Protein backbone atom coordinates (compact mmCIF):
# COMPACT_ATOMS: atom_id res chain seq x y z
CA MET A 1 0.00 0.00 0.00
CA ARG A 2 1.30 3.47 -0.88
CA LEU A 3 2.27 5.67 2.04
CA ALA A 4 0.23 8.52 0.52
CA THR A 5 -2.88 6.32 0.74
CA THR A 6 -2.14 5.47 4.38
CA ILE A 7 -1.66 9.16 5.19
CA GLU A 8 -4.96 9.94 3.47
CA ALA A 9 -6.75 7.37 5.66
CA ILE A 10 -5.10 8.74 8.82
CA LEU A 11 -6.05 12.35 8.02
CA TYR A 12 -9.62 11.32 7.18
CA LEU A 13 -10.13 9.22 10.30
CA LYS A 14 -8.55 11.67 12.73
CA GLY A 15 -10.57 14.57 11.33
CA GLN A 16 -8.28 17.17 12.89
CA PRO A 17 -4.91 18.71 12.00
CA LEU A 18 -1.95 16.45 12.71
CA SER A 19 1.75 17.29 12.91
CA LEU A 20 4.31 15.47 10.79
CA THR A 21 5.43 13.61 13.92
CA GLU A 22 1.89 12.47 14.74
CA ILE A 23 1.32 11.25 11.19
CA ALA A 24 4.67 9.41 11.28
CA GLN A 25 3.67 7.68 14.53
CA TRP A 26 0.30 6.56 13.14
CA ALA A 27 1.87 5.44 9.84
CA ASN A 28 4.84 3.73 11.51
CA CYS A 29 7.39 5.57 9.41
CA GLU A 30 9.91 8.41 9.50
CA VAL A 31 9.01 12.11 9.31
CA ASP A 32 10.89 12.58 6.01
CA GLU A 33 8.83 9.76 4.50
CA VAL A 34 5.66 11.49 5.69
CA GLN A 35 6.78 14.71 3.98
CA GLU A 36 7.24 12.82 0.70
CA GLY A 37 3.90 11.06 1.14
CA LEU A 38 2.12 14.36 1.80
CA ILE A 39 3.63 15.91 -1.33
CA GLU A 40 2.45 12.90 -3.34
CA LEU A 41 -1.03 13.07 -1.78
CA MET A 42 -1.35 16.81 -2.41
CA SER A 43 -0.30 16.26 -6.03
CA ASP A 44 -2.85 13.47 -6.41
CA TYR A 45 -5.65 15.73 -5.21
CA ALA A 46 -4.55 18.60 -7.45
CA TYR A 47 -4.25 16.31 -10.48
CA ARG A 48 -7.70 14.75 -9.92
CA ASP A 49 -9.34 18.13 -9.50
CA SER A 50 -10.83 16.66 -6.33
CA ALA A 51 -13.38 18.18 -4.00
CA LEU A 52 -10.93 17.41 -1.19
CA GLU A 53 -7.54 18.88 -0.43
CA VAL A 54 -4.76 18.47 2.11
CA LEU A 55 -4.23 21.73 3.97
CA GLU A 56 -1.22 22.75 6.00
CA THR A 57 -2.15 25.00 8.92
CA PRO A 58 -0.20 26.12 11.99
CA GLN A 59 -1.80 23.17 13.84
CA GLY A 60 -0.70 20.61 11.23
CA TYR A 61 -2.03 18.86 8.14
CA SER A 62 -5.68 18.02 7.57
CA LEU A 63 -7.91 16.59 4.86
CA GLN A 64 -10.73 19.00 4.09
CA LEU A 65 -13.42 19.87 1.61
CA ARG A 66 -12.29 22.58 -0.80
CA SER A 67 -13.92 25.89 0.07
CA SER A 68 -15.60 26.00 -3.36
CA PHE A 69 -17.77 23.03 -2.24
CA GLU A 70 -18.76 24.26 1.22
CA HIS A 71 -22.18 25.36 -0.06
CA LEU A 72 -23.10 21.67 -0.40
CA MET A 73 -22.61 20.98 3.29
CA ASP A 74 -25.84 22.66 4.36
CA ASN A 75 -27.86 20.48 1.99
CA LEU A 76 -26.05 17.17 2.46
CA ILE A 77 -25.06 17.01 6.11
CA PRO A 78 -27.98 16.68 8.50
CA PRO A 79 -28.45 20.03 10.27
CA GLU A 80 -27.91 18.65 13.75
CA LEU A 81 -24.64 16.96 12.76
CA GLY A 82 -21.42 18.77 12.04
CA THR A 83 -18.56 17.27 10.06
CA GLY A 84 -16.69 16.18 13.19
CA ASN A 85 -19.78 14.54 14.69
CA LEU A 86 -20.50 12.83 11.38
CA ARG A 87 -16.97 11.39 11.20
CA THR A 88 -17.18 10.20 14.79
CA LEU A 89 -20.58 8.64 14.08
CA ALA A 90 -19.13 6.90 11.00
CA ALA A 91 -16.28 5.45 13.08
CA ILE A 92 -18.76 4.16 15.67
CA ALA A 93 -21.02 2.70 12.98
CA LEU A 94 -18.17 0.93 11.19
CA LYS A 95 -16.78 -0.67 14.36
CA ASN A 96 -20.20 -1.11 16.01
CA PRO A 97 -19.78 -1.61 18.93
CA ILE A 98 -16.56 0.19 19.86
CA LEU A 99 -15.03 1.04 23.21
CA GLN A 100 -15.01 4.76 23.88
CA THR A 101 -11.29 4.55 24.73
CA ASP A 102 -10.58 3.06 21.29
CA LEU A 103 -12.67 5.75 19.63
CA ILE A 104 -10.81 8.51 21.49
CA GLU A 105 -7.50 7.02 20.40
CA LEU A 106 -8.75 6.99 16.81
CA ARG A 107 -10.51 10.38 16.70
CA GLY A 108 -8.82 12.42 19.44
CA SER A 109 -10.07 13.96 22.66
CA THR A 110 -12.68 16.10 20.88
CA ALA A 111 -14.63 12.87 20.39
CA TYR A 112 -15.72 12.95 24.06
CA GLN A 113 -17.93 15.96 23.35
CA GLN A 114 -19.01 14.55 19.99
CA VAL A 115 -20.08 11.26 21.60
CA GLN A 116 -22.16 13.13 24.16
CA GLU A 117 -23.84 15.16 21.41
CA LEU A 118 -24.55 11.97 19.42
CA VAL A 119 -26.03 10.33 22.53
CA ASP A 120 -28.17 13.42 23.18
CA LEU A 121 -29.38 13.35 19.56
CA GLY A 122 -30.25 9.66 19.87
CA PHE A 123 -27.82 8.33 17.23
CA VAL A 124 -25.55 6.50 19.71
CA ARG A 125 -26.18 4.36 22.78
CA LYS A 126 -23.59 4.31 25.56
CA ARG A 127 -23.31 1.47 28.09
CA ARG A 128 -20.68 0.91 30.77
CA GLN A 129 -18.11 -1.79 30.14
CA GLU A 130 -18.67 -4.63 32.65
CA ASN A 131 -15.11 -5.03 33.90
CA GLY A 132 -13.61 -1.69 33.01
CA ARG A 133 -13.88 2.05 33.17
CA SER A 134 -14.81 2.72 29.56
CA TYR A 135 -18.13 2.60 27.73
CA TRP A 136 -19.32 0.56 24.79
CA LEU A 137 -20.70 2.77 22.02
CA GLU A 138 -23.11 1.54 19.38
CA VAL A 139 -25.48 3.08 16.88
CA THR A 140 -29.22 3.11 17.60
CA ASP A 141 -32.31 2.39 15.55
CA LYS A 142 -32.55 6.14 14.93
CA PHE A 143 -29.20 5.96 13.12
CA HIS A 144 -30.48 3.18 10.84
CA GLN A 145 -33.76 4.98 10.15
CA TYR A 146 -32.23 8.43 9.67
CA PHE A 147 -29.58 7.27 7.21
CA GLU A 148 -31.85 4.59 5.69
CA ILE A 149 -29.34 1.84 6.40
CA ASP A 150 -30.77 -1.57 7.20
CA GLN A 151 -27.49 -3.29 7.95
CA LEU A 152 -23.89 -2.15 7.98
CA PRO A 153 -21.26 -4.25 6.21
CA GLU A 154 -18.78 -6.10 8.38
CA VAL A 155 -15.42 -4.39 8.49
CA THR A 156 -12.40 -6.60 8.96
CA PRO A 157 -9.18 -5.21 10.41
């Protein structure tokens, strides 16, 4: 698998800016390799004339929707869900169920607030782990009805 593809997956799943060092840790490679992979990924997006782009900000690198497509967000993303909440919900749905500690490791500490919002909106159910301090998170019937999904495909690691 190309490193650029791995970096793309990391940036998508984390949903927040990451430093070169953080990307290198997640990708199990050196920082100079990450720099090369990012250049390749940025070139891929520019060549494809994609709706997405890799942005470098003072906080790090992130995968984002190009600003010329932001007008679509209001129509396509449910009003009560923001992009971060939607990505967190997608991670929960794909791993269904998932331990909150695993989700936080995957999505970052902002996921604590996102999980609470998703619970409050009725998309996620939270139940205490029997022999631990974490919670099991799983999608609810509202999730399936809202997104018109009968059954999610099994995801293998």
